[in-house]
Amino acid sequence: MMADYEFRETSSRNIEQDGEQVRVVNFRGTDGTSVPNEKLNVDGSFTMPLMEYFQAGVDGELPDKIRDYVVNRLQAE
């Protein structure tokens, strides 16, 4: 379902949560196969540990982390 979506960070910021610094990641997922005027975008945000965020950025894995978050949220429990 989400295979054709491209995810990217739109913004982020540090916050303190339970005494720890974490990163709030805002994102957008866009369906690359949509026809003009018929798009379904996925927008949202989530927190992740600060060091994990920076390591994902260095490794070029942030879009994958965002995709994993979205897929996990969409799966029925």
N, C-alpha and C. Protein backbone atom coordinates (compact mmCIF):
# COMPACT_ATOMS: atom_id res chain seq x y z
N MET A 1 0.82 -1.20 0.00
CA MET A 1 0.00 0.00 0.00
C MET A 1 0.86 1.26 0.00
N MET A 2 1.91 1.28 0.80
CA MET A 2 2.73 2.48 0.93
C MET A 2 3.99 2.41 0.06
N ALA A 3 4.11 1.39 -0.76
CA ALA A 3 5.33 1.18 -1.55
C ALA A 3 5.62 2.33 -2.50
N ASP A 4 4.57 2.98 -3.02
CA ASP A 4 4.77 4.07 -3.97
C ASP A 4 4.92 5.44 -3.32
N TYR A 5 4.87 5.49 -2.01
CA TYR A 5 4.98 6.76 -1.31
C TYR A 5 6.44 7.13 -1.08
N GLU A 6 6.73 8.40 -1.26
CA GLU A 6 8.04 8.95 -0.96
C GLU A 6 7.87 9.81 0.30
N PHE A 7 8.66 9.50 1.32
CA PHE A 7 8.56 10.22 2.58
C PHE A 7 9.75 11.15 2.75
N ARG A 8 9.46 12.34 3.29
CA ARG A 8 10.52 13.30 3.55
C ARG A 8 10.19 14.10 4.81
N GLU A 9 11.22 14.50 5.46
CA GLU A 9 11.08 15.36 6.64
C GLU A 9 10.74 16.77 6.16
N THR A 10 9.72 17.37 6.76
CA THR A 10 9.39 18.75 6.40
C THR A 10 9.97 19.74 7.40
N SER A 11 10.11 19.31 8.64
CA SER A 11 10.77 20.12 9.66
C SER A 11 10.98 19.24 10.88
N SER A 12 11.77 19.73 11.82
CA SER A 12 11.96 19.00 13.07
C SER A 12 12.51 19.96 14.12
N ARG A 13 12.39 19.51 15.37
CA ARG A 13 12.90 20.33 16.47
C ARG A 13 13.14 19.43 17.67
N ASN A 14 14.00 19.88 18.54
CA ASN A 14 14.28 19.16 19.79
C ASN A 14 13.27 19.57 20.84
N ILE A 15 12.86 18.60 21.65
CA ILE A 15 12.03 18.87 22.83
C ILE A 15 12.54 18.00 23.96
N GLU A 16 12.12 18.33 25.17
CA GLU A 16 12.44 17.48 26.31
C GLU A 16 11.21 16.67 26.64
N GLN A 17 11.40 15.35 26.75
CA GLN A 17 10.29 14.44 27.05
C GLN A 17 10.77 13.46 28.12
N ASP A 18 10.09 13.46 29.25
CA ASP A 18 10.48 12.59 30.36
C ASP A 18 11.96 12.78 30.74
N GLY A 19 12.42 14.02 30.72
CA GLY A 19 13.78 14.33 31.12
C GLY A 19 14.84 14.05 30.07
N GLU A 20 14.44 13.62 28.88
CA GLU A 20 15.38 13.32 27.80
C GLU A 20 15.14 14.25 26.62
N GLN A 21 16.20 14.55 25.89
CA GLN A 21 16.07 15.30 24.64
C GLN A 21 15.68 14.34 23.53
N VAL A 22 14.59 14.64 22.84
CA VAL A 22 14.14 13.85 21.69
C VAL A 22 13.89 14.80 20.53
N ARG A 23 13.72 14.24 19.36
CA ARG A 23 13.47 15.04 18.17
C ARG A 23 12.04 14.80 17.71
N VAL A 24 11.29 15.87 17.49
CA VAL A 24 9.97 15.79 16.88
C VAL A 24 10.19 15.94 15.38
N VAL A 25 9.82 14.92 14.63
CA VAL A 25 10.02 14.90 13.18
C VAL A 25 8.66 15.09 12.51
N ASN A 26 8.51 16.18 11.77
CA ASN A 26 7.32 16.41 10.95
C ASN A 26 7.63 15.91 9.55
N PHE A 27 6.66 15.27 8.92
CA PHE A 27 6.93 14.65 7.62
C PHE A 27 5.74 14.75 6.68
N ARG A 28 6.03 14.45 5.42
CA ARG A 28 5.00 14.32 4.40
C ARG A 28 5.35 13.12 3.54
N GLY A 29 4.34 12.32 3.27
CA GLY A 29 4.46 11.21 2.33
C GLY A 29 3.59 11.51 1.13
N THR A 30 4.16 11.39 -0.05
CA THR A 30 3.44 11.70 -1.28
C THR A 30 3.44 10.48 -2.19
N ASP A 31 2.28 10.16 -2.72
CA ASP A 31 2.15 9.03 -3.64
C ASP A 31 2.69 9.45 -4.99
N GLY A 32 3.80 8.86 -5.39
CA GLY A 32 4.45 9.22 -6.65
C GLY A 32 3.70 8.77 -7.88
N THR A 33 2.70 7.90 -7.73
CA THR A 33 1.97 7.38 -8.89
C THR A 33 0.63 8.07 -9.10
N SER A 34 0.29 9.04 -8.26
CA SER A 34 -1.00 9.72 -8.38
C SER A 34 -1.10 10.49 -9.68
N VAL A 35 -2.29 10.54 -10.19
CA VAL A 35 -2.55 11.36 -11.37
C VAL A 35 -2.81 12.79 -10.90
N PRO A 36 -2.59 13.78 -11.76
CA PRO A 36 -2.83 15.17 -11.34
C PRO A 36 -4.25 15.36 -10.79
N ASN A 37 -4.35 16.16 -9.77
CA ASN A 37 -5.60 16.51 -9.11
C ASN A 37 -6.24 15.35 -8.35
N GLU A 38 -5.53 14.24 -8.19
CA GLU A 38 -6.02 13.11 -7.41
C GLU A 38 -4.87 12.57 -6.56
N LYS A 39 -4.58 13.26 -5.49
CA LYS A 39 -3.44 12.89 -4.64
C LYS A 39 -3.92 12.59 -3.23
N LEU A 40 -3.25 11.65 -2.62
CA LEU A 40 -3.46 11.37 -1.21
C LEU A 40 -2.12 11.49 -0.52
N ASN A 41 -1.93 12.57 0.22
CA ASN A 41 -0.69 12.79 0.96
C ASN A 41 -0.88 12.33 2.40
N VAL A 42 0.21 11.95 3.01
CA VAL A 42 0.21 11.55 4.41
C VAL A 42 1.11 12.52 5.15
N ASP A 43 0.53 13.29 6.06
CA ASP A 43 1.29 14.24 6.87
C ASP A 43 1.21 13.81 8.32
N GLY A 44 2.27 14.04 9.06
CA GLY A 44 2.24 13.71 10.47
C GLY A 44 3.52 14.10 11.17
N SER A 45 3.63 13.65 12.41
CA SER A 45 4.85 13.89 13.19
C SER A 45 4.97 12.78 14.22
N PHE A 46 6.18 12.56 14.68
CA PHE A 46 6.46 11.59 15.73
C PHE A 46 7.77 11.98 16.40
N THR A 47 8.02 11.39 17.56
CA THR A 47 9.28 11.66 18.25
C THR A 47 10.19 10.45 18.12
N MET A 48 11.47 10.74 18.12
CA MET A 48 12.47 9.67 18.11
C MET A 48 13.67 10.14 18.93
N PRO A 49 14.43 9.20 19.47
CA PRO A 49 15.62 9.59 20.24
C PRO A 49 16.55 10.46 19.40
N LEU A 50 17.12 11.45 20.02
CA LEU A 50 17.95 12.43 19.33
C LEU A 50 19.11 11.80 18.57
N MET A 51 19.83 10.90 19.22
CA MET A 51 20.98 10.28 18.54
C MET A 51 20.54 9.38 17.39
N GLU A 52 19.39 8.71 17.54
CA GLU A 52 18.87 7.88 16.46
C GLU A 52 18.51 8.74 15.25
N TYR A 53 17.95 9.92 15.52
CA TYR A 53 17.60 10.86 14.45
C TYR A 53 18.85 11.27 13.66
N PHE A 54 19.88 11.68 14.38
CA PHE A 54 21.09 12.15 13.69
C PHE A 54 21.80 11.01 12.96
N GLN A 55 21.80 9.80 13.55
CA GLN A 55 22.42 8.66 12.88
C GLN A 55 21.64 8.29 11.61
N ALA A 56 20.31 8.36 11.67
CA ALA A 56 19.49 8.08 10.49
C ALA A 56 19.78 9.11 9.40
N GLY A 57 20.00 10.35 9.79
CA GLY A 57 20.35 11.39 8.81
C GLY A 57 21.70 11.12 8.16
N VAL A 58 22.68 10.76 8.96
CA VAL A 58 24.01 10.46 8.43
C VAL A 58 23.97 9.27 7.49
N ASP A 59 23.18 8.24 7.86
CA ASP A 59 23.10 7.02 7.07
C ASP A 59 22.12 7.13 5.90
N GLY A 60 21.41 8.25 5.79
CA GLY A 60 20.43 8.43 4.72
C GLY A 60 19.19 7.56 4.92
N GLU A 61 18.89 7.21 6.17
CA GLU A 61 17.79 6.30 6.46
C GLU A 61 16.56 6.98 7.04
N LEU A 62 16.54 8.31 7.12
CA LEU A 62 15.39 8.98 7.73
C LEU A 62 14.09 8.70 6.97
N PRO A 63 14.08 8.71 5.63
CA PRO A 63 12.83 8.36 4.93
C PRO A 63 12.34 6.95 5.29
N ASP A 64 13.25 6.02 5.51
CA ASP A 64 12.86 4.66 5.90
C ASP A 64 12.28 4.64 7.31
N LYS A 65 12.85 5.42 8.21
CA LYS A 65 12.33 5.51 9.58
C LYS A 65 10.92 6.09 9.57
N ILE A 66 10.71 7.10 8.73
CA ILE A 66 9.38 7.70 8.63
C ILE A 66 8.39 6.67 8.07
N ARG A 67 8.78 5.98 6.99
CA ARG A 67 7.92 4.95 6.40
C ARG A 67 7.56 3.89 7.44
N ASP A 68 8.54 3.41 8.20
CA ASP A 68 8.29 2.40 9.23
C ASP A 68 7.27 2.90 10.24
N TYR A 69 7.40 4.16 10.65
CA TYR A 69 6.46 4.75 11.61
C TYR A 69 5.05 4.74 11.03
N VAL A 70 4.90 5.19 9.78
CA VAL A 70 3.57 5.28 9.16
C VAL A 70 2.96 3.90 9.01
N VAL A 71 3.72 2.95 8.51
CA VAL A 71 3.20 1.60 8.31
C VAL A 71 2.77 0.98 9.63
N ASN A 72 3.56 1.16 10.68
CA ASN A 72 3.19 0.63 11.99
C ASN A 72 1.91 1.26 12.53
N ARG A 73 1.72 2.53 12.27
CA ARG A 73 0.50 3.21 12.73
C ARG A 73 -0.74 2.76 11.94
N LEU A 74 -0.56 2.41 10.68
CA LEU A 74 -1.70 2.01 9.84
C LEU A 74 -2.11 0.56 10.02
N GLN A 75 -1.22 -0.26 10.56
CA GLN A 75 -1.55 -1.67 10.76
C GLN A 75 -2.53 -1.83 11.91
N ALA A 76 -3.53 -2.66 11.69
CA ALA A 76 -4.51 -2.92 12.73
C ALA A 76 -3.89 -3.83 13.80
N GLU A 77 -4.22 -3.56 15.03
CA GLU A 77 -3.70 -4.40 16.12
C GLU A 77 -4.65 -5.53 16.40
